[in-house]
Amino acid sequence: MSTTTVETSAHAPEERPMEPQGKVRRRGERSPAASLLSHGILTVASLAALFPIAWLIFLSLGPDKDDYLHPGGIWGKMTLDNYSFVLTETNFFHWLWSTLVVSLGTTVIGVIIAATTGYAVSRMRFPGYKRFMWVLLVTQMFPIAVLIVPMYQILSELQLVDSYLGLILVYCSTAVPYCAWLLKGYFDTIPFEIDEAGRVDGLSPFGTFVRLILPLAKPGLAVAGFYSFITAFGEVAFASTFMLSDTKYTFAVALQTFVSEHDAQRHLMAATAVLVAIPVTAFFYVVQKNLVTGLTAGGTKG
């Protein structure tokens, strides 16, 4: 028995490990066809996003107001005269000042109110705190057309019509409810142990909020600030109703002055729109580091 077994095992062929039939793809590695397809889709999407901007800049270089009807003729007569006219012959810098005052004022006041509100609801359990957040949400249900008349009457009684403060308060009524919900969700992701550590160190609730919580909430604050800024920067209905002086128009309202019932100076409108985009681009560049993080951080609680 033992001899036969030894001879059989001696003559048995050696087993070799199976060689892979093809290249083994690592986890997360895509095939060349998938990479080519994804890059192609991203390229098309980028071109679709950049085309309106490039088209607007191109139209702003045409010297005549009807060049948009025949854009091919702009190539031979491109000029920067439209920008020169807007900067020197219009109230552009008054519009810029008004827009920055209103937008930055809305951003600062709105974020302060929304941050304190969101933190209070996230950490404190006072009577009716859940209903309070739902009341804030209900205020977003009313269309602007319904709110304009009562808001105008309130501002008129407070003598805030045609004033920056009045328009800032109106915009805060729109930005604060959304930002409060946003920041409440973000504060929920910050461990409660940090608040307890602040109390152990002798900090008051407000001191804990300012010195410990706000530095951790920079991404959420960046998103709330960006939303408040964009809301005030591009709003038209409230600004055109409550601001009566031409020098106090915001950019969104000022653009309408280039189009009247009998005339449309679209070349000047295009040049102004390009100049208007510069402050928004600069503000976005400042907050873009925290923007993506803040948009996704409040989505889960833990």
Protein backbone atom coordinates (compact mmCIF):
# COMPACT_ATOMS: atom_id res chain seq x y z
CA MET A 1 0.00 0.00 0.00
CA SER A 2 2.70 2.45 0.98
CA THR A 3 4.90 1.62 -2.05
CA THR A 4 2.06 2.13 -4.52
CA THR A 5 1.12 5.39 -2.92
CA VAL A 6 4.66 6.76 -3.12
CA GLU A 7 5.04 5.76 -6.77
CA THR A 8 1.69 7.30 -7.72
CA SER A 9 2.48 10.59 -6.06
CA ALA A 10 5.93 10.66 -7.63
CA HIS A 11 4.56 10.37 -11.15
CA ALA A 12 1.64 12.75 -10.62
CA PRO A 13 1.92 15.99 -12.65
CA GLU A 14 2.70 19.15 -10.68
CA GLU A 15 -0.23 21.55 -10.26
CA ARG A 16 0.47 25.05 -11.52
CA PRO A 17 -1.40 28.15 -10.39
CA MET A 18 -3.97 29.35 -12.89
CA GLU A 19 -2.75 32.33 -14.85
CA PRO A 20 -5.19 35.19 -15.32
CA GLN A 21 -6.88 35.24 -18.68
CA GLY A 22 -6.57 39.03 -18.96
CA LYS A 23 -5.49 42.12 -17.09
CA VAL A 24 -7.06 42.28 -13.66
CA ARG A 25 -8.73 45.69 -13.10
CA ARG A 26 -8.31 47.13 -9.66
CA ARG A 27 -11.21 48.37 -7.63
CA GLY A 28 -12.26 51.83 -8.80
CA GLU A 29 -10.25 51.53 -12.02
CA ARG A 30 -12.27 52.22 -15.16
CA SER A 31 -11.82 50.82 -18.59
CA PRO A 32 -10.46 53.09 -21.36
CA ALA A 33 -13.90 53.20 -22.99
CA ALA A 34 -15.58 54.30 -19.74
CA SER A 35 -12.92 56.97 -19.15
CA LEU A 36 -13.30 58.26 -22.69
CA LEU A 37 -17.09 58.40 -22.31
CA SER A 38 -16.95 60.23 -18.96
CA HIS A 39 -14.41 62.76 -20.29
CA GLY A 40 -16.56 63.32 -23.35
CA ILE A 41 -19.67 63.96 -21.24
CA LEU A 42 -17.76 66.34 -18.95
CA THR A 43 -16.38 68.20 -21.95
CA VAL A 44 -19.83 68.65 -23.49
CA ALA A 45 -21.26 69.76 -20.13
CA SER A 46 -18.43 72.28 -19.67
CA LEU A 47 -18.97 73.72 -23.14
CA ALA A 48 -22.72 73.97 -22.50
CA ALA A 49 -22.04 75.86 -19.25
CA LEU A 50 -19.43 78.20 -20.72
CA PHE A 51 -21.19 78.96 -24.01
CA PRO A 52 -23.73 81.50 -22.59
CA ILE A 53 -20.90 83.38 -20.86
CA ALA A 54 -18.75 83.43 -23.98
CA TRP A 55 -21.75 84.49 -26.08
CA LEU A 56 -22.56 87.34 -23.70
CA ILE A 57 -18.97 88.61 -23.82
CA PHE A 58 -19.00 88.34 -27.61
CA LEU A 59 -22.22 90.35 -27.93
CA SER A 60 -20.86 93.01 -25.55
CA LEU A 61 -18.09 93.75 -28.07
CA GLY A 62 -20.54 94.78 -30.82
CA PRO A 63 -20.84 98.58 -31.23
CA ASP A 64 -24.47 98.62 -32.43
CA LYS A 65 -27.60 97.77 -30.48
CA ASP A 66 -28.87 95.48 -33.25
CA ASP A 67 -25.69 93.43 -33.59
CA TYR A 68 -27.32 90.55 -31.72
CA LEU A 69 -29.53 90.02 -34.77
CA HIS A 70 -26.44 89.57 -37.01
CA PRO A 71 -23.70 88.30 -34.65
CA GLY A 72 -21.44 87.30 -37.54
CA GLY A 73 -20.78 90.95 -38.34
CA ILE A 74 -19.29 91.62 -34.90
CA TRP A 75 -15.98 89.96 -35.83
CA GLY A 76 -14.90 92.82 -38.07
CA LYS A 77 -15.82 95.69 -35.73
CA MET A 78 -15.11 94.52 -32.18
CA THR A 79 -14.65 97.36 -29.71
CA LEU A 80 -14.57 98.11 -25.99
CA ASP A 81 -16.62 101.30 -26.40
CA ASN A 82 -19.63 99.70 -24.72
CA TYR A 83 -17.65 99.16 -21.51
CA SER A 84 -16.30 102.69 -21.66
CA PHE A 85 -19.79 104.12 -22.10
CA VAL A 86 -21.23 102.08 -19.21
CA LEU A 87 -18.43 103.08 -16.84
CA THR A 88 -18.42 106.79 -17.72
CA GLU A 89 -21.90 107.73 -18.97
CA THR A 90 -24.16 105.78 -16.61
CA ASN A 91 -24.62 105.49 -12.85
CA PHE A 92 -22.66 102.24 -12.86
CA PHE A 93 -20.60 102.99 -9.74
CA HIS A 94 -23.69 104.13 -7.86
CA TRP A 95 -25.32 100.86 -8.82
CA LEU A 96 -22.21 98.98 -7.73
CA TRP A 97 -22.19 100.71 -4.36
CA SER A 98 -25.91 100.06 -3.81
CA THR A 99 -25.58 96.42 -4.78
CA LEU A 100 -22.60 95.81 -2.50
CA VAL A 101 -24.21 97.58 0.46
CA VAL A 102 -27.45 95.63 0.11
CA SER A 103 -25.83 92.27 -0.69
CA LEU A 104 -23.13 92.39 1.99
CA GLY A 105 -25.58 93.84 4.54
CA THR A 106 -28.02 91.00 3.85
CA THR A 107 -25.19 88.48 4.10
CA VAL A 108 -23.85 89.71 7.44
CA ILE A 109 -27.18 90.33 9.17
CA GLY A 110 -28.84 87.25 7.67
CA VAL A 111 -26.03 84.86 8.60
CA ILE A 112 -25.81 86.21 12.16
CA ILE A 113 -29.56 85.77 12.73
CA ALA A 114 -29.66 82.38 10.99
CA ALA A 115 -26.61 81.05 12.85
CA THR A 116 -27.92 81.97 16.28
CA THR A 117 -31.36 80.62 15.40
CA GLY A 118 -30.03 77.35 14.02
CA TYR A 119 -27.73 76.84 17.01
CA ALA A 120 -30.49 77.54 19.52
CA VAL A 121 -32.85 75.03 17.90
CA SER A 122 -30.07 72.46 17.53
CA ARG A 123 -28.85 72.61 21.14
CA MET A 124 -31.66 73.99 23.31
CA ARG A 125 -34.98 72.31 24.00
CA PHE A 126 -37.30 75.21 24.73
CA PRO A 127 -41.10 74.90 24.42
CA GLY A 128 -42.20 74.95 20.80
CA TYR A 129 -38.71 74.74 19.24
CA LYS A 130 -39.90 72.29 16.58
CA ARG A 131 -42.92 74.39 15.68
CA PHE A 132 -40.68 77.44 15.49
CA MET A 133 -38.64 75.92 12.65
CA TRP A 134 -41.80 74.91 10.81
CA VAL A 135 -43.11 78.48 11.13
CA LEU A 136 -39.91 79.68 9.46
CA LEU A 137 -40.50 77.21 6.66
CA VAL A 138 -44.11 78.32 6.20
CA THR A 139 -42.93 81.89 5.49
CA GLN A 140 -41.35 80.60 2.28
CA MET A 141 -44.72 79.45 0.93
CA PHE A 142 -46.02 82.91 0.03
CA PRO A 143 -45.22 84.27 -3.44
CA ILE A 144 -43.51 87.62 -3.83
CA ALA A 145 -46.58 89.18 -5.45
CA VAL A 146 -48.56 88.60 -2.25
CA LEU A 147 -45.84 90.01 0.01
CA ILE A 148 -44.99 93.21 -1.87
CA VAL A 149 -48.05 95.25 -0.82
CA PRO A 150 -47.96 94.53 2.94
CA MET A 151 -44.16 94.91 3.02
CA TYR A 152 -44.40 98.25 1.22
CA GLN A 153 -46.97 99.45 3.75
CA ILE A 154 -44.75 98.35 6.67
CA LEU A 155 -41.65 100.02 5.22
CA SER A 156 -43.64 103.16 4.45
CA GLU A 157 -44.80 103.44 8.06
CA LEU A 158 -41.22 102.91 9.26
CA GLN A 159 -39.96 105.46 6.68
CA LEU A 160 -37.65 102.86 5.16
CA VAL A 161 -38.86 103.04 1.55
CA ASP A 162 -36.00 103.92 -0.80
CA SER A 163 -33.44 103.06 1.87
CA TYR A 164 -30.74 100.41 2.00
CA LEU A 165 -31.78 99.22 5.45
CA GLY A 166 -35.37 98.61 4.36
CA LEU A 167 -34.31 96.50 1.40
CA ILE A 168 -31.80 94.58 3.54
CA LEU A 169 -34.51 93.71 6.07
CA VAL A 170 -36.81 92.55 3.27
CA TYR A 171 -34.11 90.28 1.85
CA CYS A 172 -33.31 88.92 5.32
CA SER A 173 -36.94 87.82 5.62
CA THR A 174 -36.29 85.59 2.61
CA ALA A 175 -32.74 84.42 3.36
CA VAL A 176 -32.94 83.80 7.13
CA PRO A 177 -35.52 80.95 7.14
CA TYR A 178 -33.60 78.88 4.58
CA CYS A 179 -30.21 79.59 6.16
CA ALA A 180 -31.55 78.76 9.63
CA TRP A 181 -32.64 75.32 8.42
CA LEU A 182 -29.33 74.85 6.65
CA LEU A 183 -27.22 75.78 9.68
CA LYS A 184 -29.43 73.83 12.09
CA GLY A 185 -28.68 70.69 10.10
CA TYR A 186 -24.98 71.55 10.10
CA PHE A 187 -24.87 72.21 13.85
CA ASP A 188 -26.49 68.81 14.40
CA THR A 189 -23.37 67.19 12.91
CA ILE A 190 -21.08 68.86 15.48
CA PRO A 191 -20.72 66.63 18.58
CA PHE A 192 -22.52 67.89 21.67
CA GLU A 193 -19.45 66.98 23.74
CA ILE A 194 -17.78 70.15 22.43
CA ASP A 195 -20.47 72.25 24.15
CA GLU A 196 -19.98 70.30 27.35
CA ALA A 197 -16.22 70.82 27.17
CA GLY A 198 -16.80 74.56 26.81
CA ARG A 199 -18.98 74.62 29.92
CA VAL A 200 -16.35 72.68 31.87
CA ASP A 201 -13.81 75.33 30.89
CA GLY A 202 -16.10 78.02 32.23
CA LEU A 203 -17.50 79.38 28.96
CA SER A 204 -21.04 80.72 28.77
CA PRO A 205 -23.41 79.29 26.12
CA PHE A 206 -22.72 82.34 23.93
CA GLY A 207 -18.97 82.00 24.49
CA THR A 208 -19.13 78.33 23.55
CA PHE A 209 -21.04 79.24 20.41
CA VAL A 210 -18.61 81.97 19.34
CA ARG A 211 -15.28 80.43 20.35
CA LEU A 212 -15.86 76.71 19.73
CA ILE A 213 -18.84 76.09 17.44
CA LEU A 214 -18.52 78.85 14.84
CA PRO A 215 -14.91 77.94 13.87
CA LEU A 216 -16.09 74.38 13.21
CA ALA A 217 -19.08 75.62 11.22
CA LYS A 218 -17.17 77.65 8.62
CA PRO A 219 -18.30 75.48 5.65
CA GLY A 220 -21.95 75.84 6.65
CA LEU A 221 -21.55 79.57 7.23
CA ALA A 222 -19.93 79.89 3.80
CA VAL A 223 -22.94 78.27 2.11
CA ALA A 224 -25.39 80.42 4.08
CA GLY A 225 -23.41 83.55 3.23
CA PHE A 226 -23.22 82.66 -0.45
CA TYR A 227 -26.97 82.00 -0.62
CA SER A 228 -27.76 85.29 1.14
CA PHE A 229 -25.40 87.21 -1.13
CA ILE A 230 -26.80 85.73 -4.34
CA THR A 231 -30.38 86.24 -3.14
CA ALA A 232 -29.81 89.95 -2.58
CA PHE A 233 -27.58 90.41 -5.62
CA GLY A 234 -29.96 89.07 -8.24
CA GLU A 235 -33.42 89.89 -6.85
CA VAL A 236 -35.54 92.22 -9.00
CA ALA A 237 -39.14 92.48 -7.74
CA PHE A 238 -38.49 93.88 -4.26
CA ALA A 239 -35.63 96.11 -5.40
CA SER A 240 -37.62 97.68 -8.24
CA THR A 241 -40.57 98.34 -5.90
CA PHE A 242 -38.84 99.65 -2.78
CA MET A 243 -35.92 101.57 -4.36
CA LEU A 244 -37.18 104.72 -6.09
CA SER A 245 -33.98 106.66 -6.79
CA ASP A 246 -32.01 105.83 -9.91
CA THR A 247 -28.74 106.11 -8.00
CA LYS A 248 -29.93 103.51 -5.46
CA TYR A 249 -30.82 100.83 -8.01
CA THR A 250 -29.13 97.49 -7.64
CA PHE A 251 -27.59 95.87 -10.70
CA ALA A 252 -30.60 93.61 -11.28
CA VAL A 253 -32.87 96.65 -11.56
CA ALA A 254 -30.35 98.82 -13.40
CA LEU A 255 -30.12 96.31 -16.25
CA GLN A 256 -33.78 96.96 -17.03
CA THR A 257 -33.07 100.62 -17.75
CA PHE A 258 -31.38 99.65 -21.02
CA VAL A 259 -34.63 98.18 -22.36
CA SER A 260 -37.66 100.43 -22.74
CA GLU A 261 -40.92 100.24 -24.67
CA HIS A 262 -39.47 101.76 -27.84
CA ASP A 263 -35.75 101.05 -27.53
CA ALA A 264 -33.46 98.21 -26.47
CA GLN A 265 -29.77 98.91 -26.05
CA ARG A 266 -28.77 95.29 -25.82
CA HIS A 267 -25.09 95.93 -26.51
CA LEU A 268 -24.87 98.14 -23.40
CA MET A 269 -26.90 95.63 -21.41
CA ALA A 270 -24.47 92.87 -22.39
CA ALA A 271 -21.46 94.96 -21.37
CA THR A 272 -23.09 95.82 -18.04
CA ALA A 273 -23.94 92.16 -17.43
CA VAL A 274 -20.29 91.19 -17.93
CA LEU A 275 -19.20 93.84 -15.43
CA VAL A 276 -21.92 92.74 -13.00
CA ALA A 277 -20.56 89.19 -13.01
CA ILE A 278 -17.19 90.31 -11.64
CA PRO A 279 -18.30 90.91 -7.99
CA VAL A 280 -20.17 87.59 -7.88
CA THR A 281 -17.15 85.75 -9.29
CA ALA A 282 -14.89 87.37 -6.70
CA PHE A 283 -17.25 86.47 -3.85
CA PHE A 284 -17.55 82.90 -5.09
CA TYR A 285 -13.76 82.62 -5.24
CA VAL A 286 -13.53 83.68 -1.59
CA VAL A 287 -16.00 81.07 -0.31
CA GLN A 288 -15.45 78.25 -2.80
CA LYS A 289 -13.05 76.34 -0.52
CA ASN A 290 -15.81 75.72 2.01
CA LEU A 291 -18.76 75.74 -0.38
CA VAL A 292 -18.81 72.08 -1.44
CA THR A 293 -18.10 70.84 2.08
CA GLY A 294 -20.87 72.95 3.52
CA LEU A 295 -23.41 71.85 0.90
CA THR A 296 -22.97 68.17 1.79
CA ALA A 297 -22.13 68.25 5.50
CA GLY A 298 -25.64 68.87 6.77
CA GLY A 299 -27.16 66.03 4.79
CA THR A 300 -26.55 63.39 7.49
CA LYS A 301 -26.75 63.57 11.24
CA GLY A 302 -24.15 61.94 13.47
